[in-house]
Protein backbone atom coordinates (compact mmCIF):
# COMPACT_ATOMS: atom_id res chain seq x y z
CA MET A 1 237.88 191.02 214.29
CA PRO A 2 241.68 191.15 213.82
CA TYR A 3 241.74 194.07 211.37
CA TRP A 4 245.49 194.67 211.49
CA ASP A 5 246.17 190.99 210.88
CA VAL A 6 243.91 191.12 207.82
CA VAL A 7 245.89 194.09 206.46
CA THR A 8 249.36 192.66 207.05
CA ARG A 9 248.36 189.17 205.93
CA SER A 10 246.87 190.51 202.68
CA PHE A 11 250.13 192.28 201.85
CA ARG A 12 252.16 189.18 202.74
CA ILE A 13 250.03 186.82 200.64
CA ALA A 14 250.01 189.18 197.65
CA TRP A 15 253.79 189.67 197.85
CA THR A 16 254.59 185.99 198.28
CA HIS A 17 252.32 184.62 195.55
CA LYS A 18 253.03 186.82 192.55
CA TYR A 19 250.79 184.92 190.13
CA LEU A 20 247.93 186.71 191.91
CA TRP A 21 249.20 190.00 190.48
CA LEU A 22 248.33 189.07 186.90
CA ILE A 23 244.90 187.59 187.49
CA ALA A 24 243.95 190.34 189.96
CA PHE A 25 245.00 192.98 187.41
CA LEU A 26 242.90 191.32 184.71
CA SER A 27 239.95 190.87 187.07
CA GLY A 28 239.53 194.63 187.42
CA GLU A 29 239.19 194.47 191.21
CA GLY A 30 241.64 197.29 191.84
CA GLY A 31 240.64 200.55 193.41
CA GLY A 32 239.52 203.65 191.55
CA ASN A 33 240.22 207.30 191.87
CA ALA A 34 238.32 210.51 191.44
CA GLY A 35 239.33 214.00 190.56
CA LEU A 36 237.92 217.46 191.01
CA ASN A 37 237.73 219.83 188.08
CA TYR A 38 237.76 223.58 188.50
CA THR A 39 236.65 225.90 185.76
CA ARG A 40 237.11 229.64 186.05
CA PRO A 41 233.93 231.70 185.78
CA VAL A 42 233.19 233.36 182.48
CA ASN A 43 230.94 236.25 181.64
CA ARG A 44 229.32 234.51 178.69
CA LEU A 45 228.59 230.86 178.04
CA PRO A 46 230.24 229.36 174.89
CA ASP A 47 228.22 228.76 171.76
CA PHE A 48 227.24 225.14 172.38
CA GLY A 49 224.75 225.27 169.49
CA ALA A 50 227.57 225.70 166.96
CA MET A 51 229.59 222.99 168.67
CA GLN A 52 226.62 220.62 168.45
CA GLN A 53 226.22 221.35 164.73
CA GLN A 54 229.90 220.65 164.05
CA ALA A 55 229.76 217.38 166.01
CA THR A 56 226.62 216.26 164.15
CA THR A 57 228.24 216.99 160.78
CA TRP A 58 231.37 215.04 161.68
CA VAL A 59 229.31 212.03 162.83
CA ILE A 60 227.29 211.98 159.60
CA ASP A 61 230.45 212.14 157.48
CA HIS A 62 232.15 209.28 159.37
CA VAL A 63 229.22 207.00 160.25
CA THR A 64 230.82 203.88 158.68
CA LEU A 65 234.03 204.34 160.64
CA ILE A 66 232.10 204.89 163.85
CA GLU A 67 230.05 201.71 163.31
CA ALA A 68 233.21 199.64 162.68
CA LEU A 69 234.95 201.02 165.77
CA ALA A 70 231.83 200.45 167.86
CA LEU A 71 231.65 196.80 166.75
CA VAL A 72 235.31 196.20 167.56
CA ALA A 73 234.91 197.90 170.93
CA LEU A 74 231.84 195.79 171.72
CA VAL A 75 233.58 192.51 170.90
CA LEU A 76 236.63 193.53 172.93
CA ALA A 77 234.48 194.64 175.86
CA VAL A 78 232.60 191.31 175.95
CA PHE A 79 235.87 189.36 175.80
CA LEU A 80 237.43 191.39 178.63
CA PHE A 81 234.23 191.14 180.68
CA VAL A 82 234.24 187.33 180.53
CA LEU A 83 238.02 187.15 181.09
CA ALA A 84 237.72 189.42 184.14
CA ALA A 85 235.00 187.17 185.57
CA ALA A 86 237.27 184.12 185.32
CA CYS A 87 240.26 185.99 186.74
CA GLU A 88 238.23 187.32 189.67
CA GLY A 89 237.15 183.83 190.66
CA ALA A 90 240.73 182.58 190.35
CA THR A 91 242.10 185.45 192.46
CA ILE A 92 239.53 185.03 195.23
CA ARG A 93 240.02 181.27 195.43
CA GLY A 94 243.80 181.63 195.40
CA SER A 95 243.74 184.22 198.19
CA ALA A 96 241.46 182.02 200.32
CA GLU A 97 243.63 178.94 199.83
CA HIS A 98 246.79 180.84 200.75
CA ASP A 99 244.99 182.28 203.78
CA ALA A 100 244.28 178.69 204.85
CA GLU A 101 247.97 177.93 204.17
CA ARG A 102 247.20 175.18 201.69
CA PRO A 103 249.51 174.60 198.69
CA PHE A 104 248.02 176.43 195.72
CA GLY A 105 249.21 178.03 192.48
CA LEU A 106 248.11 179.38 189.14
CA ALA A 107 247.60 175.86 187.79
CA ASN A 108 245.03 175.33 190.54
CA ALA A 109 243.52 178.83 190.54
CA TRP A 110 242.74 179.06 186.83
CA PRO A 111 240.45 175.97 186.68
CA MET A 112 238.65 177.32 189.75
CA GLY A 113 238.15 180.61 187.97
CA LEU A 114 236.76 178.85 184.91
CA HIS A 115 234.45 176.80 187.14
CA THR A 116 232.75 179.91 188.55
CA MET A 117 233.17 182.07 185.43
CA TRP A 118 229.59 181.99 184.12
CA VAL A 119 228.08 182.44 187.57
CA MET A 120 230.41 185.40 188.03
CA VAL A 121 229.32 186.77 184.65
CA ARG A 122 225.68 186.60 185.73
CA PHE A 123 226.60 188.14 189.07
CA ARG A 124 228.34 191.07 187.37
CA LEU A 125 225.41 191.52 185.00
CA ALA A 126 223.04 191.62 187.98
CA LEU A 127 225.22 194.30 189.58
CA PHE A 128 225.17 196.21 186.30
CA VAL A 129 221.37 196.19 186.40
CA LEU A 130 221.50 197.50 189.97
CA ASN A 131 223.81 200.26 188.74
CA LEU A 132 221.34 201.36 186.05
CA PRO A 133 219.46 203.79 188.34
CA LEU A 134 222.75 205.61 188.97
CA LEU A 135 223.54 205.63 185.27
CA ALA A 136 220.05 206.80 184.29
CA ALA A 137 220.09 209.61 186.86
CA ALA A 138 223.56 210.71 185.76
CA VAL A 139 222.52 210.74 182.09
CA ALA A 140 219.36 212.70 182.91
CA TRP A 141 221.40 215.22 184.89
CA VAL A 142 223.87 215.67 182.03
CA VAL A 143 221.04 216.06 179.49
CA VAL A 144 219.35 218.75 181.55
CA LEU A 145 222.68 220.51 182.05
CA LEU A 146 223.42 220.42 178.32
CA ILE A 147 219.96 221.80 177.54
CA GLY A 148 220.69 224.69 179.86
CA LEU A 149 224.08 225.29 178.29
CA ILE A 150 222.79 225.08 174.71
CA HIS A 151 219.98 227.54 175.43
CA GLN A 152 222.31 229.62 177.62
CA ASP A 153 219.81 229.43 180.47
CA VAL A 154 221.92 230.39 183.47
CA GLY A 155 219.09 229.71 185.91
CA LEU A 156 218.60 226.17 184.63
CA VAL A 157 222.35 225.52 184.70
CA LEU A 158 222.73 226.76 188.29
CA GLY A 159 219.63 224.84 189.40
CA THR A 160 220.93 221.66 187.79
CA LEU A 161 224.32 222.06 189.44
CA PHE A 162 222.73 222.65 192.85
CA GLY A 163 220.42 219.67 192.39
CA GLY A 164 223.42 217.59 191.38
CA LEU A 165 225.06 218.30 194.74
CA LEU A 166 221.99 216.98 196.57
CA LEU A 167 221.72 213.94 194.32
CA PHE A 168 225.41 213.23 194.82
CA LEU A 169 224.81 212.44 198.50
CA VAL A 170 222.10 209.92 197.59
CA PHE A 171 224.27 208.44 194.85
CA LEU A 172 227.21 208.12 197.25
CA VAL A 173 225.24 206.06 199.75
CA TYR A 174 223.81 203.82 197.02
CA ALA A 175 227.20 203.43 195.35
CA LEU A 176 228.77 202.35 198.64
CA TYR A 177 225.98 199.84 199.12
CA LEU A 178 226.67 198.41 195.66
CA LEU A 179 230.39 198.29 196.48
CA PHE A 180 229.67 196.04 199.45
CA LEU A 181 227.39 193.87 197.33
CA ASP A 182 230.21 193.50 194.81
CA ARG A 183 232.95 192.73 197.32
CA PHE A 184 230.93 190.34 199.49
CA GLY A 185 228.79 188.83 196.74
CA SER A 186 231.70 187.87 194.49
CA ARG A 187 233.29 186.02 197.39
CA ALA A 188 230.01 184.28 198.17
CA VAL A 189 229.98 183.06 194.55
CA VAL A 190 233.51 181.62 194.75
CA LEU A 191 233.92 180.55 198.36
CA GLU A 192 230.36 179.47 199.14
CA GLN A 193 229.41 178.33 195.60
CA ARG A 194 226.26 180.46 195.56
CA LYS A 195 224.37 181.47 192.44
CA ALA A 196 224.35 185.09 191.31
CA LEU A 197 221.15 186.33 192.99
CA ALA A 198 221.75 184.21 196.08
CA ALA A 199 225.21 185.76 196.38
CA ILE A 200 223.74 189.27 196.25
CA ALA A 201 221.23 188.33 198.95
CA ARG A 202 224.05 186.85 201.06
CA ALA A 203 226.09 190.06 200.64
CA HIS A 204 223.11 192.18 201.69
CA ARG A 205 222.50 190.10 204.81
CA LEU A 206 226.18 190.07 205.78
CA LEU A 207 226.46 193.84 205.36
CA PHE A 208 223.60 194.63 207.72
CA LYS A 209 224.41 191.80 210.11
CA ARG A 210 227.99 193.09 210.49
CA PHE A 211 227.37 196.71 209.55
CA GLY A 212 229.94 198.24 211.91
CA ARG A 213 232.63 195.76 210.97
CA SER A 214 231.89 196.19 207.28
CA LEU A 215 232.20 199.97 207.48
CA LEU A 216 235.49 199.69 209.35
CA VAL A 217 236.82 197.26 206.74
CA LEU A 218 235.94 199.81 204.04
CA VAL A 219 237.49 202.71 205.97
CA ILE A 220 240.73 200.77 206.45
CA SER A 221 240.77 199.90 202.73
CA LEU A 222 240.29 203.56 201.79
CA ALA A 223 243.00 204.63 204.25
CA ILE A 224 245.45 202.14 202.72
CA SER A 225 244.60 203.38 199.22
CA LEU A 226 245.06 207.01 200.29
CA ALA A 227 248.41 206.30 201.94
CA ILE A 228 249.63 204.43 198.86
CA ALA A 229 248.42 207.24 196.60
CA VAL A 230 250.32 209.84 198.65
CA VAL A 231 253.53 207.79 198.61
CA ALA A 232 253.17 207.02 194.89
CA GLY A 233 252.55 210.68 194.10
CA PHE A 234 255.60 211.75 196.10
CA LEU A 235 257.87 209.19 194.43
CA SER A 236 256.46 210.02 191.00
CA SER A 237 257.16 213.71 191.50
CA ILE A 238 260.77 212.89 192.35
CA LEU A 239 261.14 210.63 189.31
CA LEU A 240 259.49 213.17 187.01
CA LEU A 241 261.56 216.09 188.30
CA PRO A 242 264.38 215.58 185.72
CA LEU A 243 261.75 215.64 182.97
CA LEU A 244 260.33 218.93 184.21
CA ILE A 245 263.80 220.45 184.53
CA ALA A 246 264.74 219.28 181.03
CA GLY A 247 261.56 220.73 179.55
CA TYR A 248 262.17 224.03 181.27
CA THR A 249 265.85 224.35 180.33
CA SER A 250 266.07 222.77 176.89
CA SER A 251 263.45 221.48 174.48
CA ALA A 252 266.11 219.36 172.73
CA THR A 253 266.53 217.05 175.75
CA PHE A 254 262.85 216.98 176.70
CA TRP A 255 261.67 214.30 174.25
CA PRO A 256 264.55 211.82 174.81
CA ILE A 257 264.08 212.08 178.58
CA LEU A 258 260.31 211.72 178.13
CA ALA A 259 260.82 208.52 176.09
CA VAL A 260 263.20 207.04 178.66
CA THR A 261 260.88 208.01 181.52
CA ALA A 262 257.88 206.42 179.79
CA VAL A 263 259.79 203.20 179.09
CA VAL A 264 260.82 202.95 182.73
CA LEU A 265 257.77 204.26 184.56
CA VAL A 266 254.88 202.78 182.58
CA PRO A 267 255.91 199.12 183.15
CA ALA A 268 256.73 199.96 186.77
CA TYR A 269 253.30 201.48 187.30
CA LEU A 270 251.62 198.45 185.73
CA VAL A 271 253.51 196.07 188.01
CA ILE A 272 252.69 198.17 191.07
CA ALA A 273 249.02 198.34 190.03
CA ALA A 274 248.96 194.54 189.63
CA PHE A 275 250.44 194.02 193.10
CA LEU A 276 248.04 196.47 194.71
CA GLY A 277 245.12 194.85 192.92
CA ALA A 278 246.17 191.48 194.32
CA GLN A 279 246.55 192.96 197.80
CA ASN A 280 243.15 194.67 197.65
CA SER A 281 241.41 191.53 196.43
CA THR A 282 243.14 189.45 199.10
CA TYR A 283 242.23 191.98 201.78
CA TRP A 284 238.52 191.75 200.98
CA THR A 285 238.69 187.95 200.75
CA LEU A 286 240.30 187.70 204.18
CA ALA A 287 237.79 190.17 205.61
CA PHE A 288 234.88 188.22 204.13
CA ARG A 289 236.15 185.00 205.71
CA ARG A 290 236.34 186.68 209.15
CA LEU A 291 233.34 189.01 209.17
CA ASP A 292 230.82 186.37 210.14
CA VAL A 293 232.96 184.90 212.91
CA GLU A 294 232.14 185.62 216.52
CA TYR A 295 235.11 186.84 218.56
CA GLY A 296 235.62 186.82 222.28
CA TYR A 297 234.07 183.46 223.06
CA THR A 298 233.85 179.92 221.76
CA ARG A 299 230.73 179.16 219.80
């Protein structure tokens, strides 16, 4: 499989056809990031019982506001979920058409996205159901941890943390499996016109049929994301250096520089995120189109 060609071609397609940036950004197919939190050890656990009482009182006093905000958030979440499904189909189809070097644009991609939108919605809902074991286990872990903290049971807290490390390894393998189902299955929906469950089955078969290739595709994708993150962090530190100097030397110039920096950097970051989302989506589309091809001889 021509891995390097997939990488360079995905960047070239994403850069040349900039309408992909918008629909890829809205589709939510960009990469994620994770952080590590460090907390210094303390001799005594905080009074979580008092904190729980304060939180309960605040919720009771503002229950109407919470219900209104929850309703608005639910409506917005449903709207964005459906919009993302349409945009994902449009992005995948656009990337595939440009890979085949056929004339294609947003006017062609959007109807394609609408055509597969409801199948994509069902596909994403099916993936959500498959994610429920992870969510349930994470919630159970947090509940047990909170019980230990509230009752200041150091043994239970340490046992829960140790058990969480073991569960993390299982969760990681399952999460990676679901990632492949998402990346391959969504392309089976759009490019092969499969229904939601059939697309998941197709993704499962393709993963284990081309397991080595699939893992290498993922490793390359992660390496690209890491390299971009390092470069972006380095450039951001350079751009933010005047802000840090201003804050250290004079508080009077800190806020004006912060405002200017935000006005410049926030739109720039959004544009960069849109481009990288288009590149990442295109990369997986190109890989999907080539994974099941035999190389080295004529079939």
